[in-house]
Amino acid sequence: MEVKITETTDAVIIKLEGELKLGSEAIEFQEAIRDCVEKNKRNVIVDLSAVRFISSWGIGMLIHGYTTAQNRGTSFKLAAVPNMINETFKKIKVDNIFTQFNSVEEALKS
């Protein structure tokens, strides 16, 4: 998994690429969320457009990020979730936890 971070005035966009399995990139992901909260950004947007696979560990990482952001008053949004990943979310009943948008641009406008 590769993590790319972009900041806007009131959001941090975290683009995840590849396969969300075990990896040290989770530390980078969590640090990006923590930085977002500390900088008083209103939104964390996770771009999943380039994710090919997600394991239970990857789902746990997203849930942890969601909880961290929400507990500190920051919105946590998923953008461009591939159908295969969304089907996995539905099968394990976590699709209703995350606010999802078709694109990063839509998430930024919300």
PDB file of N, CA and C in Angstrom:
ATOM      1  N   MET A   1       0.843  -1.177   0.000  1.00  0.00           N
ATOM      2  CA  MET A   1       0.000   0.000   0.000  1.00  0.00           C
ATOM      3  C   MET A   1       0.886   1.238   0.000  1.00  0.00           C
ATOM      4  N   GLU A   2       0.481   2.197  -0.773  1.00  0.00           N
ATOM      5  CA  GLU A   2       1.177   3.473  -0.814  1.00  0.00           C
ATOM      6  C   GLU A   2       0.225   4.558  -0.317  1.00  0.00           C
ATOM      7  N   VAL A   3       0.760   5.511   0.436  1.00  0.00           N
ATOM      8  CA  VAL A   3      -0.033   6.592   1.007  1.00  0.00           C
ATOM      9  C   VAL A   3       0.467   7.919   0.449  1.00  0.00           C
ATOM     10  N   LYS A   4      -0.453   8.711  -0.130  1.00  0.00           N
ATOM     11  CA  LYS A   4      -0.117  10.047  -0.619  1.00  0.00           C
ATOM     12  C   LYS A   4      -1.028  11.044   0.079  1.00  0.00           C
ATOM     13  N   ILE A   5      -0.442  12.104   0.599  1.00  0.00           N
ATOM     14  CA  ILE A   5      -1.201  13.063   1.403  1.00  0.00           C
ATOM     15  C   ILE A   5      -1.159  14.438   0.746  1.00  0.00           C
ATOM     16  N   THR A   6      -2.344  15.045   0.617  1.00  0.00           N
ATOM     17  CA  THR A   6      -2.490  16.393   0.072  1.00  0.00           C
ATOM     18  C   THR A   6      -3.339  17.192   1.056  1.00  0.00           C
ATOM     19  N   GLU A   7      -2.987  18.452   1.267  1.00  0.00           N
ATOM     20  CA  GLU A   7      -3.767  19.315   2.163  1.00  0.00           C
ATOM     21  C   GLU A   7      -4.422  20.436   1.387  1.00  0.00           C
ATOM     22  N   THR A   8      -5.652  20.776   1.786  1.00  0.00           N
ATOM     23  CA  THR A   8      -6.333  21.966   1.306  1.00  0.00           C
ATOM     24  C   THR A   8      -6.580  22.856   2.519  1.00  0.00           C
ATOM     25  N   THR A   9      -7.301  23.924   2.322  1.00  0.00           N
ATOM     26  CA  THR A   9      -7.559  24.858   3.415  1.00  0.00           C
ATOM     27  C   THR A   9      -8.210  24.193   4.617  1.00  0.00           C
ATOM     28  N   ASP A  10      -9.224  23.354   4.372  1.00  0.00           N
ATOM     29  CA  ASP A  10      -9.926  22.735   5.502  1.00  0.00           C
ATOM     30  C   ASP A  10     -10.001  21.211   5.431  1.00  0.00           C
ATOM     31  N   ALA A  11      -9.129  20.592   4.623  1.00  0.00           N
ATOM     32  CA  ALA A  11      -9.182  19.129   4.508  1.00  0.00           C
ATOM     33  C   ALA A  11      -7.794  18.537   4.286  1.00  0.00           C
ATOM     34  N   VAL A  12      -7.691  17.277   4.655  1.00  0.00           N
ATOM     35  CA  VAL A  12      -6.536  16.465   4.303  1.00  0.00           C
ATOM     36  C   VAL A  12      -7.068  15.335   3.438  1.00  0.00           C
ATOM     37  N   ILE A  13      -6.454  15.162   2.273  1.00  0.00           N
ATOM     38  CA  ILE A  13      -6.855  14.096   1.359  1.00  0.00           C
ATOM     39  C   ILE A  13      -5.765  13.033   1.428  1.00  0.00           C
ATOM     40  N   ILE A  14      -6.178  11.832   1.791  1.00  0.00           N
ATOM     41  CA  ILE A  14      -5.251  10.717   1.898  1.00  0.00           C
ATOM     42  C   ILE A  14      -5.587   9.744   0.783  1.00  0.00           C
ATOM     43  N   LYS A  15      -4.683   9.611  -0.180  1.00  0.00           N
ATOM     44  CA  LYS A  15      -4.909   8.683  -1.283  1.00  0.00           C
ATOM     45  C   LYS A  15      -4.166   7.392  -0.976  1.00  0.00           C
ATOM     46  N   LEU A  16      -4.915   6.299  -0.933  1.00  0.00           N
ATOM     47  CA  LEU A  16      -4.342   4.985  -0.698  1.00  0.00           C
ATOM     48  C   LEU A  16      -4.282   4.253  -2.028  1.00  0.00           C
ATOM     49  N   GLU A  17      -3.167   3.594  -2.286  1.00  0.00           N
ATOM     50  CA  GLU A  17      -2.993   2.882  -3.551  1.00  0.00           C
ATOM     51  C   GLU A  17      -2.511   1.465  -3.290  1.00  0.00           C
ATOM     52  N   GLY A  18      -2.980   0.536  -4.118  1.00  0.00           N
ATOM     53  CA  GLY A  18      -2.510  -0.843  -4.027  1.00  0.00           C
ATOM     54  C   GLY A  18      -3.435  -1.703  -3.202  1.00  0.00           C
ATOM     55  N   GLU A  19      -2.835  -2.553  -2.371  1.00  0.00           N
ATOM     56  CA  GLU A  19      -3.596  -3.488  -1.555  1.00  0.00           C
ATOM     57  C   GLU A  19      -3.498  -3.088  -0.090  1.00  0.00           C
ATOM     58  N   LEU A  20      -4.655  -2.956   0.567  1.00  0.00           N
ATOM     59  CA  LEU A  20      -4.680  -2.588   1.983  1.00  0.00           C
ATOM     60  C   LEU A  20      -4.595  -3.858   2.809  1.00  0.00           C
ATOM     61  N   LYS A  21      -3.374  -4.263   3.074  1.00  0.00           N
ATOM     62  CA  LYS A  21      -3.097  -5.423   3.917  1.00  0.00           C
ATOM     63  C   LYS A  21      -2.265  -4.927   5.091  1.00  0.00           C
ATOM     64  N   LEU A  22      -1.509  -5.822   5.692  1.00  0.00           N
ATOM     65  CA  LEU A  22      -0.615  -5.413   6.777  1.00  0.00           C
ATOM     66  C   LEU A  22       0.502  -4.556   6.222  1.00  0.00           C
ATOM     67  N   GLY A  23       0.935  -3.573   6.990  1.00  0.00           N
ATOM     68  CA  GLY A  23       2.029  -2.745   6.520  1.00  0.00           C
ATOM     69  C   GLY A  23       2.291  -1.552   7.412  1.00  0.00           C
ATOM     70  N   SER A  24       3.513  -1.042   7.321  1.00  0.00           N
ATOM     71  CA  SER A  24       3.901   0.115   8.133  1.00  0.00           C
ATOM     72  C   SER A  24       3.218   1.388   7.663  1.00  0.00           C
ATOM     73  N   GLU A  25       2.594   1.339   6.480  1.00  0.00           N
ATOM     74  CA  GLU A  25       1.907   2.525   5.970  1.00  0.00           C
ATOM     75  C   GLU A  25       0.743   2.943   6.872  1.00  0.00           C
ATOM     76  N   ALA A  26       0.251   2.019   7.668  1.00  0.00           N
ATOM     77  CA  ALA A  26      -0.839   2.358   8.591  1.00  0.00           C
ATOM     78  C   ALA A  26      -0.406   3.454   9.548  1.00  0.00           C
ATOM     79  N   ILE A  27       0.860   3.460   9.922  1.00  0.00           N
ATOM     80  CA  ILE A  27       1.371   4.501  10.810  1.00  0.00           C
ATOM     81  C   ILE A  27       1.278   5.852  10.104  1.00  0.00           C
ATOM     82  N   GLU A  28       1.672   5.891   8.836  1.00  0.00           N
ATOM     83  CA  GLU A  28       1.585   7.130   8.060  1.00  0.00           C
ATOM     84  C   GLU A  28       0.133   7.588   7.930  1.00  0.00           C
ATOM     85  N   PHE A  29      -0.773   6.643   7.720  1.00  0.00           N
ATOM     86  CA  PHE A  29      -2.204   6.937   7.618  1.00  0.00           C
ATOM     87  C   PHE A  29      -2.709   7.565   8.922  1.00  0.00           C
ATOM     88  N   GLN A  30      -2.402   6.930  10.049  1.00  0.00           N
ATOM     89  CA  GLN A  30      -2.868   7.442  11.338  1.00  0.00           C
ATOM     90  C   GLN A  30      -2.238   8.790  11.668  1.00  0.00           C
ATOM     91  N   GLU A  31      -0.964   8.976  11.313  1.00  0.00           N
ATOM     92  CA  GLU A  31      -0.312  10.267  11.552  1.00  0.00           C
ATOM     93  C   GLU A  31      -0.969  11.370  10.731  1.00  0.00           C
ATOM     94  N   ALA A  32      -1.376  11.057   9.518  1.00  0.00           N
ATOM     95  CA  ALA A  32      -2.052  12.050   8.675  1.00  0.00           C
ATOM     96  C   ALA A  32      -3.377  12.466   9.305  1.00  0.00           C
ATOM     97  N   ILE A  33      -4.094  11.526   9.864  1.00  0.00           N
ATOM     98  CA  ILE A  33      -5.366  11.852  10.524  1.00  0.00           C
ATOM     99  C   ILE A  33      -5.109  12.689  11.773  1.00  0.00           C
ATOM    100  N   ARG A  34      -4.134  12.286  12.554  1.00  0.00           N
ATOM    101  CA  ARG A  34      -3.796  13.038  13.770  1.00  0.00           C
ATOM    102  C   ARG A  34      -3.358  14.465  13.420  1.00  0.00           C
ATOM    103  N   ASP A  35      -2.545  14.623  12.372  1.00  0.00           N
ATOM    104  CA  ASP A  35      -2.116  15.957  11.934  1.00  0.00           C
ATOM    105  C   ASP A  35      -3.309  16.800  11.497  1.00  0.00           C
ATOM    106  N   CYS A  36      -4.236  16.184  10.804  1.00  0.00           N
ATOM    107  CA  CYS A  36      -5.441  16.882  10.345  1.00  0.00           C
ATOM    108  C   CYS A  36      -6.202  17.460  11.532  1.00  0.00           C
ATOM    109  N   VAL A  37      -6.379  16.650  12.540  1.00  0.00           N
ATOM    110  CA  VAL A  37      -7.107  17.080  13.734  1.00  0.00           C
ATOM    111  C   VAL A  37      -6.350  18.182  14.459  1.00  0.00           C
ATOM    112  N   GLU A  38      -5.039  18.013  14.598  1.00  0.00           N
ATOM    113  CA  GLU A  38      -4.237  19.006  15.311  1.00  0.00           C
ATOM    114  C   GLU A  38      -4.189  20.351  14.586  1.00  0.00           C
ATOM    115  N   LYS A  39      -4.312  20.317  13.251  1.00  0.00           N
ATOM    116  CA  LYS A  39      -4.302  21.551  12.457  1.00  0.00           C
ATOM    117  C   LYS A  39      -5.701  22.139  12.298  1.00  0.00           C
ATOM    118  N   ASN A  40      -6.677  21.567  13.015  1.00  0.00           N
ATOM    119  CA  ASN A  40      -8.065  22.017  12.984  1.00  0.00           C
ATOM    120  C   ASN A  40      -8.688  21.964  11.593  1.00  0.00           C
ATOM    121  N   LYS A  41      -8.275  20.993  10.802  1.00  0.00           N
ATOM    122  CA  LYS A  41      -8.921  20.771   9.504  1.00  0.00           C
ATOM    123  C   LYS A  41     -10.285  20.141   9.792  1.00  0.00           C
ATOM    124  N   ARG A  42     -11.263  20.462   8.974  1.00  0.00           N
ATOM    125  CA  ARG A  42     -12.619  19.967   9.210  1.00  0.00           C
ATOM    126  C   ARG A  42     -12.885  18.601   8.603  1.00  0.00           C
ATOM    127  N   ASN A  43     -12.083  18.204   7.615  1.00  0.00           N
ATOM    128  CA  ASN A  43     -12.373  16.977   6.877  1.00  0.00           C
ATOM    129  C   ASN A  43     -11.147  16.119   6.628  1.00  0.00           C
ATOM    130  N   VAL A  44     -11.340  14.820   6.778  1.00  0.00           N
ATOM    131  CA  VAL A  44     -10.389  13.823   6.302  1.00  0.00           C
ATOM    132  C   VAL A  44     -11.096  13.118   5.155  1.00  0.00           C
ATOM    133  N   ILE A  45     -10.477  13.135   3.986  1.00  0.00           N
ATOM    134  CA  ILE A  45     -11.047  12.459   2.818  1.00  0.00           C
ATOM    135  C   ILE A  45     -10.068  11.371   2.402  1.00  0.00           C
ATOM    136  N   VAL A  46     -10.556  10.143   2.375  1.00  0.00           N
ATOM    137  CA  VAL A  46      -9.711   9.015   1.999  1.00  0.00           C
ATOM    138  C   VAL A  46     -10.119   8.587   0.589  1.00  0.00           C
ATOM    139  N   ASP A  47      -9.194   8.775  -0.348  1.00  0.00           N
ATOM    140  CA  ASP A  47      -9.409   8.430  -1.756  1.00  0.00           C
ATOM    141  C   ASP A  47      -9.003   6.974  -1.965  1.00  0.00           C
ATOM    142  N   LEU A  48      -9.983   6.131  -2.255  1.00  0.00           N
ATOM    143  CA  LEU A  48      -9.727   4.705  -2.448  1.00  0.00           C
ATOM    144  C   LEU A  48      -9.738   4.300  -3.919  1.00  0.00           C
ATOM    145  N   SER A  49      -9.707   5.258  -4.822  1.00  0.00           N
ATOM    146  CA  SER A  49      -9.840   4.969  -6.256  1.00  0.00           C
ATOM    147  C   SER A  49      -8.784   4.001  -6.789  1.00  0.00           C
ATOM    148  N   ALA A  50      -7.613   3.964  -6.162  1.00  0.00           N
ATOM    149  CA  ALA A  50      -6.528   3.107  -6.654  1.00  0.00           C
ATOM    150  C   ALA A  50      -6.291   1.877  -5.777  1.00  0.00           C
ATOM    151  N   VAL A  51      -7.272   1.546  -4.945  1.00  0.00           N
ATOM    152  CA  VAL A  51      -7.149   0.361  -4.087  1.00  0.00           C
ATOM    153  C   VAL A  51      -7.694  -0.851  -4.833  1.00  0.00           C
ATOM    154  N   ARG A  52      -6.882  -1.902  -4.889  1.00  0.00           N
ATOM    155  CA  ARG A  52      -7.263  -3.121  -5.610  1.00  0.00           C
ATOM    156  C   ARG A  52      -7.796  -4.214  -4.699  1.00  0.00           C
ATOM    157  N   PHE A  53      -7.447  -4.166  -3.425  1.00  0.00           N
ATOM    158  CA  PHE A  53      -7.829  -5.215  -2.481  1.00  0.00           C
ATOM    159  C   PHE A  53      -7.816  -4.623  -1.082  1.00  0.00           C
ATOM    160  N   ILE A  54      -8.725  -5.083  -0.225  1.00  0.00           N
ATOM    161  CA  ILE A  54      -8.711  -4.648   1.174  1.00  0.00           C
ATOM    162  C   ILE A  54      -8.923  -5.872   2.053  1.00  0.00           C
ATOM    163  N   SER A  55      -8.049  -6.038   3.031  1.00  0.00           N
ATOM    164  CA  SER A  55      -8.160  -7.147   3.984  1.00  0.00           C
ATOM    165  C   SER A  55      -8.919  -6.658   5.215  1.00  0.00           C
ATOM    166  N   SER A  56      -9.173  -7.564   6.134  1.00  0.00           N
ATOM    167  CA  SER A  56      -9.831  -7.172   7.380  1.00  0.00           C
ATOM    168  C   SER A  56      -8.971  -6.163   8.130  1.00  0.00           C
ATOM    169  N   TRP A  57      -7.660  -6.285   8.012  1.00  0.00           N
ATOM    170  CA  TRP A  57      -6.750  -5.332   8.635  1.00  0.00           C
ATOM    171  C   TRP A  57      -6.956  -3.940   8.034  1.00  0.00           C
ATOM    172  N   GLY A  58      -7.092  -3.868   6.704  1.00  0.00           N
ATOM    173  CA  GLY A  58      -7.310  -2.589   6.035  1.00  0.00           C
ATOM    174  C   GLY A  58      -8.628  -1.952   6.446  1.00  0.00           C
ATOM    175  N   ILE A  59      -9.657  -2.781   6.585  1.00  0.00           N
ATOM    176  CA  ILE A  59     -10.961  -2.264   7.039  1.00  0.00           C
ATOM    177  C   ILE A  59     -10.838  -1.745   8.468  1.00  0.00           C
ATOM    178  N   GLY A  60     -10.123  -2.485   9.302  1.00  0.00           N
ATOM    179  CA  GLY A  60      -9.899  -2.040  10.680  1.00  0.00           C
ATOM    180  C   GLY A  60      -9.156  -0.719  10.733  1.00  0.00           C
ATOM    181  N   MET A  61      -8.197  -0.550   9.837  1.00  0.00           N
ATOM    182  CA  MET A  61      -7.435   0.693   9.762  1.00  0.00           C
ATOM    183  C   MET A  61      -8.367   1.862   9.430  1.00  0.00           C
ATOM    184  N   LEU A  62      -9.284   1.654   8.469  1.00  0.00           N
ATOM    185  CA  LEU A  62     -10.240   2.711   8.108  1.00  0.00           C
ATOM    186  C   LEU A  62     -11.187   3.016   9.270  1.00  0.00           C
ATOM    187  N   ILE A  63     -11.652   1.986   9.949  1.00  0.00           N
ATOM    188  CA  ILE A  63     -12.557   2.199  11.093  1.00  0.00           C
ATOM    189  C   ILE A  63     -11.835   2.951  12.206  1.00  0.00           C
ATOM    190  N   HIS A  64     -10.591   2.611  12.446  1.00  0.00           N
ATOM    191  CA  HIS A  64      -9.810   3.323  13.459  1.00  0.00           C
ATOM    192  C   HIS A  64      -9.640   4.795  13.061  1.00  0.00           C
ATOM    193  N   GLY A  65      -9.360   5.047  11.791  1.00  0.00           N
ATOM    194  CA  GLY A  65      -9.244   6.423  11.307  1.00  0.00           C
ATOM    195  C   GLY A  65     -10.545   7.188  11.461  1.00  0.00           C
ATOM    196  N   TYR A  66     -11.651   6.523  11.127  1.00  0.00           N
ATOM    197  CA  TYR A  66     -12.982   7.126  11.271  1.00  0.00           C
ATOM    198  C   TYR A  66     -13.227   7.513  12.731  1.00  0.00           C
ATOM    199  N   THR A  67     -12.966   6.582  13.636  1.00  0.00           N
ATOM    200  CA  THR A  67     -13.210   6.818  15.061  1.00  0.00           C
ATOM    201  C   THR A  67     -12.331   7.947  15.593  1.00  0.00           C
ATOM    202  N   THR A  68     -11.068   7.938  15.202  1.00  0.00           N
ATOM    203  CA  THR A  68     -10.140   8.992  15.637  1.00  0.00           C
ATOM    204  C   THR A  68     -10.638  10.361  15.188  1.00  0.00           C
ATOM    205  N   ALA A  69     -11.021  10.472  13.919  1.00  0.00           N
ATOM    206  CA  ALA A  69     -11.504  11.752  13.390  1.00  0.00           C
ATOM    207  C   ALA A  69     -12.808  12.173  14.068  1.00  0.00           C
ATOM    208  N   GLN A  70     -13.766  11.273  14.128  1.00  0.00           N
ATOM    209  CA  GLN A  70     -15.077  11.595  14.697  1.00  0.00           C
ATOM    210  C   GLN A  70     -14.983  12.007  16.164  1.00  0.00           C
ATOM    211  N   ASN A  71     -14.139  11.328  16.927  1.00  0.00           N
ATOM    212  CA  ASN A  71     -13.999  11.654  18.353  1.00  0.00           C
ATOM    213  C   ASN A  71     -13.417  13.041  18.575  1.00  0.00           C
ATOM    214  N   ARG A  72     -12.816  13.606  17.546  1.00  0.00           N
ATOM    215  CA  ARG A  72     -12.221  14.940  17.668  1.00  0.00           C
ATOM    216  C   ARG A  72     -12.970  15.980  16.834  1.00  0.00           C
ATOM    217  N   GLY A  73     -14.178  15.624  16.392  1.00  0.00           N
ATOM    218  CA  GLY A  73     -15.018  16.580  15.683  1.00  0.00           C
ATOM    219  C   GLY A  73     -14.653  16.815  14.236  1.00  0.00           C
ATOM    220  N   THR A  74     -13.913  15.890  13.632  1.00  0.00           N
ATOM    221  CA  THR A  74     -13.508  16.018  12.236  1.00  0.00           C
ATOM    222  C   THR A  74     -14.285  15.007  11.401  1.00  0.00           C
ATOM    223  N   SER A  75     -14.775  15.428  10.241  1.00  0.00           N
ATOM    224  CA  SER A  75     -15.499  14.526   9.345  1.00  0.00           C
ATOM    225  C   SER A  75     -14.532  13.562   8.677  1.00  0.00           C
ATOM    226  N   PHE A  76     -14.968  12.335   8.469  1.00  0.00           N
ATOM    227  CA  PHE A  76     -14.179  11.300   7.811  1.00  0.00           C
ATOM    228  C   PHE A  76     -14.995  10.790   6.643  1.00  0.00           C
ATOM    229  N   LYS A  77     -14.491  10.981   5.424  1.00  0.00           N
ATOM    230  CA  LYS A  77     -15.248  10.642   4.222  1.00  0.00           C
ATOM    231  C   LYS A  77     -14.416   9.741   3.317  1.00  0.00           C
ATOM    232  N   LEU A  78     -15.088   8.809   2.661  1.00  0.00           N
ATOM    233  CA  LEU A  78     -14.434   7.972   1.661  1.00  0.00           C
ATOM    234  C   LEU A  78     -14.832   8.474   0.287  1.00  0.00           C
ATOM    235  N   ALA A  79     -13.876   8.475  -0.640  1.00  0.00           N
ATOM    236  CA  ALA A  79     -14.137   8.938  -2.003  1.00  0.00           C
ATOM    237  C   ALA A  79     -13.703   7.874  -3.002  1.00  0.00           C
ATOM    238  N   ALA A  80     -14.477   7.772  -4.074  1.00  0.00           N
ATOM    239  CA  ALA A  80     -14.145   6.914  -5.217  1.00  0.00           C
ATOM    240  C   ALA A  80     -13.877   5.468  -4.791  1.00  0.00           C
ATOM    241  N   VAL A  81     -14.789   4.926  -4.002  1.00  0.00           N
ATOM    242  CA  VAL A  81     -14.638   3.545  -3.530  1.00  0.00           C
ATOM    243  C   VAL A  81     -14.941   2.592  -4.687  1.00  0.00           C
ATOM    244  N   PRO A  82     -13.977   1.742  -5.068  1.00  0.00           N
ATOM    245  CA  PRO A  82     -14.235   0.787  -6.148  1.00  0.00           C
ATOM    246  C   PRO A  82     -15.376  -0.167  -5.785  1.00  0.00           C
ATOM    247  N   ASN A  83     -16.128  -0.601  -6.783  1.00  0.00           N
ATOM    248  CA  ASN A  83     -17.275  -1.487  -6.544  1.00  0.00           C
ATOM    249  C   ASN A  83     -16.889  -2.729  -5.744  1.00  0.00           C
ATOM    250  N   MET A  84     -15.760  -3.334  -6.079  1.00  0.00           N
ATOM    251  CA  MET A  84     -15.335  -4.544  -5.389  1.00  0.00           C
ATOM    252  C   MET A  84     -15.122  -4.285  -3.887  1.00  0.00           C
ATOM    253  N   ILE A  85     -14.547  -3.130  -3.564  1.00  0.00           N
ATOM    254  CA  ILE A  85     -14.315  -2.780  -2.155  1.00  0.00           C
ATOM    255  C   ILE A  85     -15.646  -2.482  -1.472  1.00  0.00           C
ATOM    256  N   ASN A  86     -16.539  -1.787  -2.158  1.00  0.00           N
ATOM    257  CA  ASN A  86     -17.843  -1.468  -1.590  1.00  0.00           C
ATOM    258  C   ASN A  86     -18.651  -2.739  -1.335  1.00  0.00           C
ATOM    259  N   GLU A  87     -18.543  -3.708  -2.229  1.00  0.00           N
ATOM    260  CA  GLU A  87     -19.228  -4.999  -2.019  1.00  0.00           C
ATOM    261  C   GLU A  87     -18.705  -5.686  -0.757  1.00  0.00           C
ATOM    262  N   THR A  88     -17.411  -5.608  -0.525  1.00  0.00           N
ATOM    263  CA  THR A  88     -16.831  -6.159   0.704  1.00  0.00           C
ATOM    264  C   THR A  88     -17.402  -5.438   1.911  1.00  0.00           C
ATOM    265  N   PHE A  89     -17.485  -4.108   1.857  1.00  0.00           N
ATOM    266  CA  PHE A  89     -18.074  -3.335   2.951  1.00  0.00           C
ATOM    267  C   PHE A  89     -19.504  -3.795   3.226  1.00  0.00           C
ATOM    268  N   LYS A  90     -20.281  -4.008   2.164  1.00  0.00           N
ATOM    269  CA  LYS A  90     -21.678  -4.433   2.319  1.00  0.00           C
ATOM    270  C   LYS A  90     -21.786  -5.819   2.943  1.00  0.00           C
ATOM    271  N   LYS A  91     -20.924  -6.734   2.519  1.00  0.00           N
ATOM    272  CA  LYS A  91     -20.975  -8.105   3.038  1.00  0.00           C
ATOM    273  C   LYS A  91     -20.750  -8.161   4.541  1.00  0.00           C
ATOM    274  N   ILE A  92     -19.890  -7.289   5.035  1.00  0.00           N
ATOM    275  CA  ILE A  92     -19.603  -7.323   6.470  1.00  0.00           C
ATOM    276  C   ILE A  92     -20.318  -6.198   7.235  1.00  0.00           C
ATOM    277  N   LYS A  93     -21.223  -5.537   6.530  1.00  0.00           N
ATOM    278  CA  LYS A  93     -22.126  -4.543   7.126  1.00  0.00           C
ATOM    279  C   LYS A  93     -21.409  -3.319   7.716  1.00  0.00           C
ATOM    280  N   VAL A  94     -20.355  -2.859   7.040  1.00  0.00           N
ATOM    281  CA  VAL A  94     -19.705  -1.608   7.471  1.00  0.00           C
ATOM    282  C   VAL A  94     -19.932  -0.484   6.468  1.00  0.00           C
ATOM    283  N   ASP A  95     -20.682  -0.770   5.400  1.00  0.00           N
ATOM    284  CA  ASP A  95     -20.915   0.252   4.380  1.00  0.00           C
ATOM    285  C   ASP A  95     -21.680   1.456   4.914  1.00  0.00           C
ATOM    286  N   ASN A  96     -22.501   1.242   5.950  1.00  0.00           N
ATOM    287  CA  ASN A  96     -23.281   2.353   6.496  1.00  0.00           C
ATOM    288  C   ASN A  96     -22.510   3.153   7.552  1.00  0.00           C
ATOM    289  N   ILE A  97     -21.310   2.731   7.888  1.00  0.00           N
ATOM    290  CA  ILE A  97     -20.483   3.483   8.840  1.00  0.00           C
ATOM    291  C   ILE A  97     -19.888   4.713   8.166  1.00  0.00           C
ATOM    292  N   PHE A  98     -19.412   4.520   6.943  1.00  0.00           N
ATOM    293  CA  PHE A  98     -18.675   5.564   6.239  1.00  0.00           C
ATOM    294  C   PHE A  98     -19.578   6.397   5.339  1.00  0.00           C
ATOM    295  N   THR A  99     -19.340   7.707   5.313  1.00  0.00           N
ATOM    296  CA  THR A  99     -19.968   8.575   4.334  1.00  0.00           C
ATOM    297  C   THR A  99     -19.133   8.461   3.062  1.00  0.00           C
ATOM    298  N   GLN A 100     -19.794   8.103   1.947  1.00  0.00           N
ATOM    299  CA  GLN A 100     -19.079   7.867   0.702  1.00  0.00           C
ATOM    300  C   GLN A 100     -19.502   8.843  -0.387  1.00  0.00           C
ATOM    301  N   PHE A 101     -18.516   9.203  -1.215  1.00  0.00           N
ATOM    302  CA  PHE A 101     -18.742  10.101  -2.346  1.00  0.00           C
ATOM    303  C   PHE A 101     -18.123   9.484  -3.590  1.00  0.00           C
ATOM    304  N   ASN A 102     -18.658   9.849  -4.745  1.00  0.00           N
ATOM    305  CA  ASN A 102     -18.159   9.303  -6.011  1.00  0.00           C
ATOM    306  C   ASN A 102     -16.765   9.801  -6.359  1.00  0.00           C
ATOM    307  N   SER A 103     -16.392  10.977  -5.840  1.00  0.00           N
ATOM    308  CA  SER A 103     -15.078  11.550  -6.166  1.00  0.00           C
ATOM    309  C   SER A 103     -14.575  12.397  -5.007  1.00  0.00           C
ATOM    310  N   VAL A 104     -13.308  12.690  -5.039  1.00  0.00           N
ATOM    311  CA  VAL A 104     -12.710  13.581  -4.033  1.00  0.00           C
ATOM    312  C   VAL A 104     -13.356  14.963  -4.151  1.00  0.00           C
ATOM    313  N   GLU A 105     -13.605  15.414  -5.360  1.00  0.00           N
ATOM    314  CA  GLU A 105     -14.207  16.730  -5.575  1.00  0.00           C
ATOM    315  C   GLU A 105     -15.571  16.825  -4.894  1.00  0.00           C
ATOM    316  N   GLU A 106     -16.394  15.783  -5.041  1.00  0.00           N
ATOM    317  CA  GLU A 106     -17.710  15.765  -4.374  1.00  0.00           C
ATOM    318  C   GLU A 106     -17.548  15.813  -2.859  1.00  0.00           C
ATOM    319  N   ALA A 107     -16.610  15.062  -2.344  1.00  0.00           N
ATOM    320  CA  ALA A 107     -16.374  15.029  -0.897  1.00  0.00           C
ATOM    321  C   ALA A 107     -15.935  16.403  -0.387  1.00  0.00           C
ATOM    322  N   LEU A 108     -15.098  17.086  -1.155  1.00  0.00           N
ATOM    323  CA  LEU A 108     -14.645  18.419  -0.757  1.00  0.00           C
ATOM    324  C   LEU A 108     -15.790  19.428  -0.730  1.00  0.00           C
ATOM    325  N   LYS A 109     -16.742  19.278  -1.637  1.00  0.00           N
ATOM    326  CA  LYS A 109     -17.874  20.220  -1.709  1.00  0.00           C
ATOM    327  C   LYS A 109     -18.911  19.993  -0.612  1.00  0.00           C
ATOM    328  N   SER A 110     -18.892  18.826  -0.009  1.00  0.00           N
ATOM    329  CA  SER A 110     -19.942  18.502   0.982  1.00  0.00           C
ATOM    330  C   SER A 110     -19.685  19.143   2.330  1.00  0.00           C
TER     331      SER A 110
END
